Amino acid sequence: MSARFRVCRVEAAAGHAGPGEPRRFLYEGRWQPVEAIEDRWYEGGPEPEAELVLYFRVASGEGRFLLRFLSYFQRWQVWAVDES
């Protein structure tokens, strides 16, 4: 299974370091409220060669999604998780 992340807009709660927790995101032209953050993790770290990537598995009324924040690009991406 290959993940197909797409750039998206995310509104997040203000964070003291980083983008903060996602509250809603734009998916296929409609805002999806984040009903629950089911899991979160990260890759990378403080070393320049290991850019920090934050991941959030979230539930919304439309299903489950993976949101990731690429710190180097200051950009959010989304992927709809297929649970079938």
N, C-alpha and C. Protein backbone atom coordinates (compact mmCIF):
# COMPACT_ATOMS: atom_id res chain seq x y z
N MET A 1 0.85 -1.17 0.00
CA MET A 1 0.00 0.00 0.00
C MET A 1 0.90 1.23 0.00
N SER A 2 0.64 2.15 -0.88
CA SER A 2 1.44 3.37 -0.91
C SER A 2 0.56 4.55 -0.53
N ALA A 3 1.07 5.38 0.33
CA ALA A 3 0.36 6.58 0.75
C ALA A 3 0.48 7.63 -0.33
N ARG A 4 -0.61 8.29 -0.60
CA ARG A 4 -0.61 9.37 -1.58
C ARG A 4 -1.01 10.65 -0.86
N PHE A 5 -0.03 11.30 -0.30
CA PHE A 5 -0.28 12.55 0.39
C PHE A 5 -0.47 13.66 -0.61
N ARG A 6 -1.39 14.58 -0.27
CA ARG A 6 -1.63 15.78 -1.08
C ARG A 6 -1.52 17.00 -0.19
N VAL A 7 -1.03 18.07 -0.75
CA VAL A 7 -0.93 19.33 -0.03
C VAL A 7 -2.35 19.77 0.35
N CYS A 8 -2.50 20.27 1.57
CA CYS A 8 -3.80 20.75 2.00
C CYS A 8 -3.64 21.92 2.95
N ARG A 9 -4.74 22.59 3.23
CA ARG A 9 -4.77 23.66 4.22
C ARG A 9 -5.25 23.08 5.53
N VAL A 10 -4.63 23.49 6.60
CA VAL A 10 -5.00 23.03 7.94
C VAL A 10 -5.08 24.24 8.85
N GLU A 11 -6.13 24.28 9.65
CA GLU A 11 -6.21 25.26 10.73
C GLU A 11 -5.85 24.51 12.00
N ALA A 12 -4.88 25.04 12.72
CA ALA A 12 -4.38 24.37 13.91
C ALA A 12 -4.41 25.31 15.11
N ALA A 13 -4.48 24.71 16.29
CA ALA A 13 -4.37 25.49 17.52
C ALA A 13 -2.95 26.01 17.61
N ALA A 14 -2.80 27.18 18.16
CA ALA A 14 -1.47 27.77 18.28
C ALA A 14 -0.59 26.89 19.14
N GLY A 15 0.61 26.63 18.66
CA GLY A 15 1.57 25.84 19.41
C GLY A 15 2.77 26.69 19.80
N HIS A 16 3.39 26.38 20.92
CA HIS A 16 4.55 27.16 21.34
C HIS A 16 5.77 26.84 20.48
N ALA A 17 5.81 25.64 19.93
CA ALA A 17 6.89 25.25 19.01
C ALA A 17 6.28 24.36 17.95
N GLY A 18 6.26 24.82 16.74
CA GLY A 18 5.67 24.03 15.67
C GLY A 18 4.27 24.52 15.32
N PRO A 19 3.59 23.75 14.50
CA PRO A 19 2.31 24.21 13.96
C PRO A 19 1.13 24.10 14.91
N GLY A 20 1.21 23.33 15.99
CA GLY A 20 0.08 23.10 16.88
C GLY A 20 -0.76 21.94 16.40
N GLU A 21 -1.78 21.59 17.18
CA GLU A 21 -2.64 20.47 16.84
C GLU A 21 -3.66 20.88 15.78
N PRO A 22 -3.90 20.02 14.79
CA PRO A 22 -4.89 20.35 13.76
C PRO A 22 -6.30 20.37 14.33
N ARG A 23 -7.08 21.36 13.94
CA ARG A 23 -8.48 21.49 14.36
C ARG A 23 -9.44 21.19 13.21
N ARG A 24 -9.05 21.57 12.01
CA ARG A 24 -9.83 21.24 10.81
C ARG A 24 -8.92 21.33 9.61
N PHE A 25 -9.32 20.68 8.50
CA PHE A 25 -8.49 20.66 7.30
C PHE A 25 -9.38 20.64 6.07
N LEU A 26 -8.85 21.15 4.97
CA LEU A 26 -9.57 21.23 3.72
C LEU A 26 -9.29 19.97 2.91
N TYR A 27 -10.35 19.20 2.61
CA TYR A 27 -10.20 17.95 1.87
C TYR A 27 -11.28 17.91 0.80
N GLU A 28 -10.85 17.79 -0.44
CA GLU A 28 -11.75 17.75 -1.61
C GLU A 28 -12.76 18.89 -1.58
N GLY A 29 -12.25 20.09 -1.27
CA GLY A 29 -13.06 21.29 -1.35
C GLY A 29 -13.95 21.57 -0.16
N ARG A 30 -13.89 20.73 0.88
CA ARG A 30 -14.74 20.94 2.06
C ARG A 30 -13.89 20.87 3.32
N TRP A 31 -14.22 21.75 4.26
CA TRP A 31 -13.53 21.72 5.55
C TRP A 31 -14.01 20.53 6.35
N GLN A 32 -13.07 19.77 6.89
CA GLN A 32 -13.36 18.62 7.73
C GLN A 32 -12.94 18.94 9.16
N PRO A 33 -13.87 18.90 10.11
CA PRO A 33 -13.46 19.13 11.49
C PRO A 33 -12.74 17.90 12.04
N VAL A 34 -11.71 18.13 12.82
CA VAL A 34 -11.02 17.02 13.49
C VAL A 34 -11.82 16.70 14.73
N GLU A 35 -12.47 15.54 14.72
CA GLU A 35 -13.27 15.12 15.87
C GLU A 35 -12.39 14.50 16.96
N ALA A 36 -11.32 13.85 16.53
CA ALA A 36 -10.40 13.24 17.51
C ALA A 36 -9.03 13.06 16.88
N ILE A 37 -8.00 13.27 17.67
CA ILE A 37 -6.64 12.91 17.27
C ILE A 37 -6.40 11.54 17.88
N GLU A 38 -6.32 10.52 17.02
CA GLU A 38 -6.22 9.14 17.50
C GLU A 38 -4.78 8.73 17.80
N ASP A 39 -3.84 9.33 17.11
CA ASP A 39 -2.44 8.99 17.32
C ASP A 39 -1.61 10.13 16.77
N ARG A 40 -0.38 10.22 17.24
CA ARG A 40 0.56 11.22 16.73
C ARG A 40 1.97 10.67 16.90
N TRP A 41 2.83 11.04 15.97
CA TRP A 41 4.24 10.64 16.05
C TRP A 41 5.04 11.56 15.16
N TYR A 42 6.34 11.37 15.18
CA TYR A 42 7.20 12.22 14.35
C TYR A 42 8.36 11.40 13.83
N GLU A 43 8.98 11.95 12.78
CA GLU A 43 10.22 11.42 12.21
C GLU A 43 11.22 12.55 12.22
N GLY A 44 12.48 12.19 12.24
CA GLY A 44 13.52 13.20 12.18
C GLY A 44 13.87 13.72 13.55
N GLY A 45 14.50 14.86 13.54
CA GLY A 45 14.91 15.43 14.81
C GLY A 45 15.66 16.72 14.64
N PRO A 46 16.41 17.10 15.65
CA PRO A 46 17.06 18.40 15.62
C PRO A 46 18.26 18.50 14.67
N GLU A 47 18.78 17.39 14.19
CA GLU A 47 19.91 17.44 13.28
C GLU A 47 19.45 17.96 11.91
N PRO A 48 20.23 18.81 11.27
CA PRO A 48 19.82 19.38 9.98
C PRO A 48 19.54 18.34 8.90
N GLU A 49 20.24 17.22 8.93
CA GLU A 49 20.01 16.21 7.90
C GLU A 49 18.76 15.37 8.17
N ALA A 50 18.14 15.54 9.31
CA ALA A 50 16.93 14.79 9.67
C ALA A 50 15.80 15.77 9.93
N GLU A 51 15.22 16.27 8.87
CA GLU A 51 14.14 17.26 9.00
C GLU A 51 12.96 16.67 9.76
N LEU A 52 12.35 17.48 10.60
CA LEU A 52 11.24 17.05 11.42
C LEU A 52 9.96 16.96 10.59
N VAL A 53 9.28 15.82 10.70
CA VAL A 53 7.98 15.60 10.08
C VAL A 53 7.03 15.14 11.18
N LEU A 54 5.92 15.86 11.37
CA LEU A 54 4.92 15.52 12.37
C LEU A 54 3.76 14.81 11.70
N TYR A 55 3.25 13.76 12.34
CA TYR A 55 2.12 13.00 11.82
C TYR A 55 0.99 13.01 12.83
N PHE A 56 -0.25 13.09 12.33
CA PHE A 56 -1.44 12.99 13.15
C PHE A 56 -2.42 12.07 12.43
N ARG A 57 -2.89 11.03 13.12
CA ARG A 57 -4.00 10.23 12.59
C ARG A 57 -5.25 10.79 13.24
N VAL A 58 -6.17 11.28 12.41
CA VAL A 58 -7.35 11.97 12.92
C VAL A 58 -8.63 11.33 12.40
N ALA A 59 -9.69 11.52 13.16
CA ALA A 59 -11.03 11.09 12.75
C ALA A 59 -11.86 12.33 12.48
N SER A 60 -12.64 12.26 11.41
CA SER A 60 -13.61 13.32 11.10
C SER A 60 -14.90 12.63 10.70
N GLY A 61 -15.92 13.40 10.41
CA GLY A 61 -17.19 12.82 9.99
C GLY A 61 -17.09 12.04 8.69
N GLU A 62 -16.07 12.31 7.91
CA GLU A 62 -15.88 11.65 6.61
C GLU A 62 -15.00 10.41 6.69
N GLY A 63 -14.41 10.12 7.84
CA GLY A 63 -13.54 8.95 7.97
C GLY A 63 -12.27 9.28 8.72
N ARG A 64 -11.25 8.48 8.44
CA ARG A 64 -9.95 8.67 9.09
C ARG A 64 -8.94 9.17 8.07
N PHE A 65 -8.06 10.05 8.57
CA PHE A 65 -7.07 10.68 7.71
C PHE A 65 -5.73 10.73 8.42
N LEU A 66 -4.67 10.77 7.62
CA LEU A 66 -3.34 11.07 8.13
C LEU A 66 -3.01 12.49 7.69
N LEU A 67 -2.63 13.30 8.65
CA LEU A 67 -2.14 14.64 8.36
C LEU A 67 -0.67 14.64 8.72
N ARG A 68 0.13 15.26 7.89
CA ARG A 68 1.54 15.40 8.25
C ARG A 68 1.99 16.82 7.95
N PHE A 69 2.90 17.28 8.80
CA PHE A 69 3.44 18.63 8.66
C PHE A 69 4.92 18.49 8.37
N LEU A 70 5.34 19.04 7.24
CA LEU A 70 6.74 19.01 6.82
C LEU A 70 7.38 20.31 7.27
N SER A 71 8.21 20.23 8.30
CA SER A 71 8.75 21.46 8.89
C SER A 71 9.65 22.23 7.92
N TYR A 72 10.39 21.52 7.11
CA TYR A 72 11.31 22.19 6.18
C TYR A 72 10.55 23.08 5.20
N PHE A 73 9.39 22.61 4.74
CA PHE A 73 8.60 23.36 3.76
C PHE A 73 7.48 24.17 4.42
N GLN A 74 7.27 23.97 5.75
CA GLN A 74 6.16 24.63 6.44
C GLN A 74 4.85 24.35 5.71
N ARG A 75 4.62 23.07 5.44
CA ARG A 75 3.47 22.67 4.62
C ARG A 75 2.78 21.44 5.23
N TRP A 76 1.46 21.46 5.19
CA TRP A 76 0.65 20.33 5.61
C TRP A 76 0.28 19.47 4.40
N GLN A 77 0.11 18.18 4.65
CA GLN A 77 -0.37 17.25 3.63
C GLN A 77 -1.40 16.32 4.27
N VAL A 78 -2.28 15.77 3.43
CA VAL A 78 -3.34 14.88 3.90
C VAL A 78 -3.38 13.63 3.05
N TRP A 79 -3.80 12.54 3.67
CA TRP A 79 -4.04 11.26 2.99
C TRP A 79 -5.24 10.60 3.64
N ALA A 80 -6.24 10.24 2.83
CA ALA A 80 -7.42 9.52 3.34
C ALA A 80 -7.02 8.07 3.56
N VAL A 81 -7.24 7.58 4.77
CA VAL A 81 -6.86 6.20 5.10
C VAL A 81 -7.99 5.27 4.65
N ASP A 82 -7.64 4.29 3.83
CA ASP A 82 -8.61 3.30 3.36
C ASP A 82 -8.59 2.13 4.34
N GLU A 83 -9.68 1.95 5.04
CA GLU A 83 -9.73 0.90 6.04
C GLU A 83 -10.44 -0.35 5.55
N SER A 84 -10.67 -0.47 4.28
CA SER A 84 -11.37 -1.66 3.78
C SER A 84 -10.44 -2.82 3.60
